[in-house]
Amino acid sequence: MTSTTKLVTADELWRMPGNGRRHELVRGGLRMMAPAGGDHGGIANNIAYVLTSHVKAHRLGQVFAAETGYRLTRSPDTVRGADVSFIRADRIPAEGRPKGYWEIPPDLAVEVLSPTDTVEEIEDKVDDYLTAGTRAVWVVSPKRRTVAIYRPGNVPVILSERDTVDGGDVVVGFRCPVSEFFT
């Protein structure tokens, strides 16, 4: 017996009850996401706060939180939700933010690891972002208190809480002790 699974589109995901907010869409397949725990939410908030403070002060663009959705591929659709993300000002359309998912990849995507995340899931997510054109992905490990920085064509750089994360040419001028992400 053969079974077929209907692929879901980004538009169908958006129209789901609650706008499908607790799902990601990976190559047309729904992937359920559990609500974040307290530590995860606190770390994501700390990162969003320091990034937003810098980005607003220097008018670099906009920072987004709360699993903001980005359609990274079409046919089949992939919609990923970053814990924190950044888009440069010159990439934001004149009409402003979309009501639905962004149709462009973020310049920076930040993923805070949850206890249930697998290595394969995170590697897939990082690959999806980088393949779509995201310029940097930060994977933050609450357990190890590290930040892994992924950039296209480069070996990941792992920073400990004794190091300083630098926005490089993605979030120009941003510098922050990694330890501030975890306080």
C-alpha atoms as a PDB file:
ATOM      1  CA  MET A   1       0.000   0.000   0.000  1.00  0.00           C
ATOM      2  CA  THR A   2       1.331   3.415  -0.954  1.00  0.00           C
ATOM      3  CA  SER A   3       0.531   6.507   1.060  1.00  0.00           C
ATOM      4  CA  THR A   4       0.998  10.052  -0.100  1.00  0.00           C
ATOM      5  CA  THR A   5       1.396  13.088   2.067  1.00  0.00           C
ATOM      6  CA  LYS A   6       0.060  16.340   0.723  1.00  0.00           C
ATOM      7  CA  LEU A   7       2.659  19.073   0.797  1.00  0.00           C
ATOM      8  CA  VAL A   8       1.641  22.223   2.641  1.00  0.00           C
ATOM      9  CA  THR A   9       2.318  25.671   1.205  1.00  0.00           C
ATOM     10  CA  ALA A  10       3.366  28.773   3.117  1.00  0.00           C
ATOM     11  CA  ASP A  11      -0.039  30.311   2.361  1.00  0.00           C
ATOM     12  CA  GLU A  12      -1.807  27.271   3.838  1.00  0.00           C
ATOM     13  CA  LEU A  13       0.433  27.429   6.910  1.00  0.00           C
ATOM     14  CA  TRP A  14      -0.466  31.107   7.374  1.00  0.00           C
ATOM     15  CA  ARG A  15      -4.197  30.337   7.202  1.00  0.00           C
ATOM     16  CA  MET A  16      -4.027  27.548   9.797  1.00  0.00           C
ATOM     17  CA  PRO A  17      -5.709  28.244  13.140  1.00  0.00           C
ATOM     18  CA  GLY A  18      -3.392  30.516  15.073  1.00  0.00           C
ATOM     19  CA  ASN A  19      -1.535  31.125  11.784  1.00  0.00           C
ATOM     20  CA  GLY A  20       0.375  27.857  12.301  1.00  0.00           C
ATOM     21  CA  ARG A  21       2.582  29.736  14.752  1.00  0.00           C
ATOM     22  CA  ARG A  22       3.879  26.671  16.510  1.00  0.00           C
ATOM     23  CA  HIS A  23       5.001  25.004  13.289  1.00  0.00           C
ATOM     24  CA  GLU A  24       7.748  25.433  10.779  1.00  0.00           C
ATOM     25  CA  LEU A  25       7.359  24.304   7.199  1.00  0.00           C
ATOM     26  CA  VAL A  26      10.291  22.271   5.899  1.00  0.00           C
ATOM     27  CA  ARG A  27      10.153  21.388   2.209  1.00  0.00           C
ATOM     28  CA  GLY A  28       6.369  21.282   2.371  1.00  0.00           C
ATOM     29  CA  GLY A  29       6.155  19.203   5.566  1.00  0.00           C
ATOM     30  CA  LEU A  30       4.875  20.543   8.871  1.00  0.00           C
ATOM     31  CA  ARG A  31       7.299  20.410  11.769  1.00  0.00           C
ATOM     32  CA  MET A  32       5.713  20.978  15.172  1.00  0.00           C
ATOM     33  CA  MET A  33       7.580  23.160  17.642  1.00  0.00           C
ATOM     34  CA  ALA A  34       7.001  23.029  21.388  1.00  0.00           C
ATOM     35  CA  PRO A  35       6.648  26.333  23.254  1.00  0.00           C
ATOM     36  CA  ALA A  36       9.993  27.658  24.479  1.00  0.00           C
ATOM     37  CA  GLY A  37      11.035  27.148  28.089  1.00  0.00           C
ATOM     38  CA  GLY A  38      11.873  29.970  30.476  1.00  0.00           C
ATOM     39  CA  ASP A  39      15.647  29.844  30.021  1.00  0.00           C
ATOM     40  CA  HIS A  40      15.283  29.753  26.225  1.00  0.00           C
ATOM     41  CA  GLY A  41      12.908  32.724  26.252  1.00  0.00           C
ATOM     42  CA  GLY A  42      15.112  34.742  28.600  1.00  0.00           C
ATOM     43  CA  ILE A  43      18.229  34.187  26.490  1.00  0.00           C
ATOM     44  CA  ALA A  44      16.377  35.046  23.255  1.00  0.00           C
ATOM     45  CA  ASN A  45      15.072  38.204  24.919  1.00  0.00           C
ATOM     46  CA  ASN A  46      18.565  39.209  26.103  1.00  0.00           C
ATOM     47  CA  ILE A  47      19.924  38.806  22.577  1.00  0.00           C
ATOM     48  CA  ALA A  48      17.003  40.706  21.030  1.00  0.00           C
ATOM     49  CA  TYR A  49      17.468  43.506  23.563  1.00  0.00           C
ATOM     50  CA  VAL A  50      21.188  44.083  22.965  1.00  0.00           C
ATOM     51  CA  LEU A  51      20.813  43.737  19.188  1.00  0.00           C
ATOM     52  CA  THR A  52      17.794  46.062  19.065  1.00  0.00           C
ATOM     53  CA  SER A  53      19.541  48.686  21.193  1.00  0.00           C
ATOM     54  CA  HIS A  54      22.498  48.743  18.804  1.00  0.00           C
ATOM     55  CA  VAL A  55      20.466  48.515  15.592  1.00  0.00           C
ATOM     56  CA  LYS A  56      18.086  51.334  16.607  1.00  0.00           C
ATOM     57  CA  ALA A  57      20.895  53.591  17.850  1.00  0.00           C
ATOM     58  CA  HIS A  58      22.681  53.277  14.506  1.00  0.00           C
ATOM     59  CA  ARG A  59      19.577  52.989  12.281  1.00  0.00           C
ATOM     60  CA  LEU A  60      20.868  49.789  10.726  1.00  0.00           C
ATOM     61  CA  GLY A  61      17.527  48.086  10.106  1.00  0.00           C
ATOM     62  CA  GLN A  62      15.128  46.063  12.225  1.00  0.00           C
ATOM     63  CA  VAL A  63      15.387  43.221  14.731  1.00  0.00           C
ATOM     64  CA  PHE A  64      12.607  40.651  14.984  1.00  0.00           C
ATOM     65  CA  ALA A  65      11.696  38.123  17.674  1.00  0.00           C
ATOM     66  CA  ALA A  66       8.910  35.677  18.499  1.00  0.00           C
ATOM     67  CA  GLU A  67       9.632  33.096  15.811  1.00  0.00           C
ATOM     68  CA  THR A  68       9.212  35.559  12.934  1.00  0.00           C
ATOM     69  CA  GLY A  69       8.619  33.520   9.783  1.00  0.00           C
ATOM     70  CA  TYR A  70      10.776  33.634   6.647  1.00  0.00           C
ATOM     71  CA  ARG A  71       9.803  31.813   3.449  1.00  0.00           C
ATOM     72  CA  LEU A  72      13.203  30.475   2.383  1.00  0.00           C
ATOM     73  CA  THR A  73      12.166  28.249  -0.541  1.00  0.00           C
ATOM     74  CA  ARG A  74       9.172  27.682  -2.823  1.00  0.00           C
ATOM     75  CA  SER A  75       7.718  24.532  -4.405  1.00  0.00           C
ATOM     76  CA  PRO A  76       8.044  22.943  -1.945  1.00  0.00           C
ATOM     77  CA  ASP A  77       7.872  25.796   0.540  1.00  0.00           C
ATOM     78  CA  THR A  78      10.120  26.155   3.557  1.00  0.00           C
ATOM     79  CA  VAL A  79       9.173  28.648   6.262  1.00  0.00           C
ATOM     80  CA  ARG A  80      11.571  28.911   9.181  1.00  0.00           C
ATOM     81  CA  GLY A  81      11.008  30.909  12.360  1.00  0.00           C
ATOM     82  CA  ALA A  82      14.072  32.471  13.951  1.00  0.00           C
ATOM     83  CA  ASP A  83      14.227  33.145  17.695  1.00  0.00           C
ATOM     84  CA  VAL A  84      15.830  36.507  16.854  1.00  0.00           C
ATOM     85  CA  SER A  85      16.603  37.931  13.421  1.00  0.00           C
ATOM     86  CA  PHE A  86      17.855  41.097  11.762  1.00  0.00           C
ATOM     87  CA  ILE A  87      17.214  42.670   8.363  1.00  0.00           C
ATOM     88  CA  ARG A  88      19.294  45.611   7.083  1.00  0.00           C
ATOM     89  CA  ALA A  89      17.416  48.872   6.477  1.00  0.00           C
ATOM     90  CA  ASP A  90      18.177  48.896   2.751  1.00  0.00           C
ATOM     91  CA  ARG A  91      16.445  45.497   2.347  1.00  0.00           C
ATOM     92  CA  ILE A  92      13.186  46.478   4.027  1.00  0.00           C
ATOM     93  CA  PRO A  93      10.596  47.396   1.388  1.00  0.00           C
ATOM     94  CA  ALA A  94       9.320  50.984   1.244  1.00  0.00           C
ATOM     95  CA  GLU A  95       5.845  49.703   2.197  1.00  0.00           C
ATOM     96  CA  GLY A  96       7.334  48.297   5.423  1.00  0.00           C
ATOM     97  CA  ARG A  97       7.034  44.948   7.147  1.00  0.00           C
ATOM     98  CA  PRO A  98       4.785  42.284   5.614  1.00  0.00           C
ATOM     99  CA  LYS A  99       1.633  41.170   7.412  1.00  0.00           C
ATOM    100  CA  GLY A 100       2.586  37.559   6.649  1.00  0.00           C
ATOM    101  CA  TYR A 101       5.937  35.839   6.300  1.00  0.00           C
ATOM    102  CA  TRP A 102       8.983  37.647   4.986  1.00  0.00           C
ATOM    103  CA  GLU A 103       9.729  36.721   1.373  1.00  0.00           C
ATOM    104  CA  ILE A 104      13.435  37.473   1.895  1.00  0.00           C
ATOM    105  CA  PRO A 105      15.898  35.728   4.206  1.00  0.00           C
ATOM    106  CA  PRO A 106      17.134  37.611   7.257  1.00  0.00           C
ATOM    107  CA  ASP A 107      20.671  38.980   7.204  1.00  0.00           C
ATOM    108  CA  LEU A 108      21.174  37.401  10.647  1.00  0.00           C
ATOM    109  CA  ALA A 109      19.226  34.508  12.171  1.00  0.00           C
ATOM    110  CA  VAL A 110      19.716  33.555  15.819  1.00  0.00           C
ATOM    111  CA  GLU A 111      18.667  30.144  17.093  1.00  0.00           C
ATOM    112  CA  VAL A 112      18.678  29.395  20.808  1.00  0.00           C
ATOM    113  CA  LEU A 113      18.956  25.645  21.331  1.00  0.00           C
ATOM    114  CA  SER A 114      16.173  23.874  23.190  1.00  0.00           C
ATOM    115  CA  PRO A 115      16.757  20.645  25.120  1.00  0.00           C
ATOM    116  CA  THR A 116      14.734  18.747  22.497  1.00  0.00           C
ATOM    117  CA  ASP A 117      16.656  20.047  19.430  1.00  0.00           C
ATOM    118  CA  THR A 118      18.716  17.449  17.604  1.00  0.00           C
ATOM    119  CA  VAL A 119      22.021  18.123  15.876  1.00  0.00           C
ATOM    120  CA  GLU A 120      20.458  17.135  12.545  1.00  0.00           C
ATOM    121  CA  GLU A 121      17.530  19.570  12.986  1.00  0.00           C
ATOM    122  CA  ILE A 122      19.836  22.464  13.792  1.00  0.00           C
ATOM    123  CA  GLU A 123      22.218  21.639  10.942  1.00  0.00           C
ATOM    124  CA  ASP A 124      19.239  21.538   8.543  1.00  0.00           C
ATOM    125  CA  LYS A 125      17.953  24.865   9.822  1.00  0.00           C
ATOM    126  CA  VAL A 126      21.378  26.541   9.527  1.00  0.00           C
ATOM    127  CA  ASP A 127      21.779  25.114   6.019  1.00  0.00           C
ATOM    128  CA  ASP A 128      18.317  26.345   4.998  1.00  0.00           C
ATOM    129  CA  TYR A 129      19.120  29.879   6.146  1.00  0.00           C
ATOM    130  CA  LEU A 130      22.576  30.020   4.546  1.00  0.00           C
ATOM    131  CA  THR A 131      21.388  28.487   1.271  1.00  0.00           C
ATOM    132  CA  ALA A 132      18.585  31.072   1.084  1.00  0.00           C
ATOM    133  CA  GLY A 133      21.083  33.936   1.463  1.00  0.00           C
ATOM    134  CA  THR A 134      21.277  34.628   5.197  1.00  0.00           C
ATOM    135  CA  ARG A 135      24.691  36.130   5.836  1.00  0.00           C
ATOM    136  CA  ALA A 136      25.199  34.807   9.391  1.00  0.00           C
ATOM    137  CA  VAL A 137      23.506  32.349  11.735  1.00  0.00           C
ATOM    138  CA  TRP A 138      24.244  32.326  15.452  1.00  0.00           C
ATOM    139  CA  VAL A 139      23.421  29.088  17.272  1.00  0.00           C
ATOM    140  CA  VAL A 140      23.312  29.768  20.991  1.00  0.00           C
ATOM    141  CA  SER A 141      23.759  26.873  23.415  1.00  0.00           C
ATOM    142  CA  PRO A 142      22.379  27.561  26.913  1.00  0.00           C
ATOM    143  CA  LYS A 143      23.865  24.285  28.190  1.00  0.00           C
ATOM    144  CA  ARG A 144      27.398  24.986  26.958  1.00  0.00           C
ATOM    145  CA  ARG A 145      27.040  28.790  27.206  1.00  0.00           C
ATOM    146  CA  THR A 146      28.486  29.184  23.714  1.00  0.00           C
ATOM    147  CA  VAL A 147      27.629  30.845  20.420  1.00  0.00           C
ATOM    148  CA  ALA A 148      28.465  29.072  17.157  1.00  0.00           C
ATOM    149  CA  ILE A 149      28.709  31.531  14.260  1.00  0.00           C
ATOM    150  CA  TYR A 150      27.975  30.153  10.793  1.00  0.00           C
ATOM    151  CA  ARG A 151      28.707  32.123   7.637  1.00  0.00           C
ATOM    152  CA  PRO A 152      28.482  30.949   4.015  1.00  0.00           C
ATOM    153  CA  GLY A 153      31.637  29.150   2.904  1.00  0.00           C
ATOM    154  CA  ASN A 154      33.342  29.394   6.308  1.00  0.00           C
ATOM    155  CA  VAL A 155      34.047  26.966   9.111  1.00  0.00           C
ATOM    156  CA  PRO A 156      31.833  27.737  12.136  1.00  0.00           C
ATOM    157  CA  VAL A 157      33.466  29.794  14.877  1.00  0.00           C
ATOM    158  CA  ILE A 158      32.622  28.793  18.453  1.00  0.00           C
ATOM    159  CA  LEU A 159      32.701  31.510  21.116  1.00  0.00           C
ATOM    160  CA  SER A 160      32.586  30.847  24.859  1.00  0.00           C
ATOM    161  CA  GLU A 161      31.072  33.149  27.465  1.00  0.00           C
ATOM    162  CA  ARG A 162      34.556  34.658  27.957  1.00  0.00           C
ATOM    163  CA  ASP A 163      34.548  35.880  24.335  1.00  0.00           C
ATOM    164  CA  THR A 164      32.903  38.811  22.582  1.00  0.00           C
ATOM    165  CA  VAL A 165      30.525  38.329  19.676  1.00  0.00           C
ATOM    166  CA  ASP A 166      31.034  40.767  16.810  1.00  0.00           C
ATOM    167  CA  GLY A 167      28.409  41.621  14.195  1.00  0.00           C
ATOM    168  CA  GLY A 168      31.090  41.907  11.497  1.00  0.00           C
ATOM    169  CA  ASP A 169      29.765  43.217   8.197  1.00  0.00           C
ATOM    170  CA  VAL A 170      26.251  41.916   8.995  1.00  0.00           C
ATOM    171  CA  VAL A 171      25.388  44.025  12.064  1.00  0.00           C
ATOM    172  CA  VAL A 172      28.049  46.695  11.655  1.00  0.00           C
ATOM    173  CA  GLY A 173      29.656  47.913  14.882  1.00  0.00           C
ATOM    174  CA  PHE A 174      27.850  45.421  17.129  1.00  0.00           C
ATOM    175  CA  ARG A 175      29.995  43.933  19.889  1.00  0.00           C
ATOM    176  CA  CYS A 176      28.760  42.202  23.025  1.00  0.00           C
ATOM    177  CA  PRO A 177      30.260  39.869  25.617  1.00  0.00           C
ATOM    178  CA  VAL A 178      28.756  36.428  25.046  1.00  0.00           C
ATOM    179  CA  SER A 179      28.175  36.214  28.815  1.00  0.00           C
ATOM    180  CA  GLU A 180      25.501  38.963  28.500  1.00  0.00           C
ATOM    181  CA  PHE A 181      23.345  36.577  26.469  1.00  0.00           C
ATOM    182  CA  PHE A 182      23.059  34.285  29.501  1.00  0.00           C
ATOM    183  CA  THR A 183      22.444  36.761  32.365  1.00  0.00           C
END
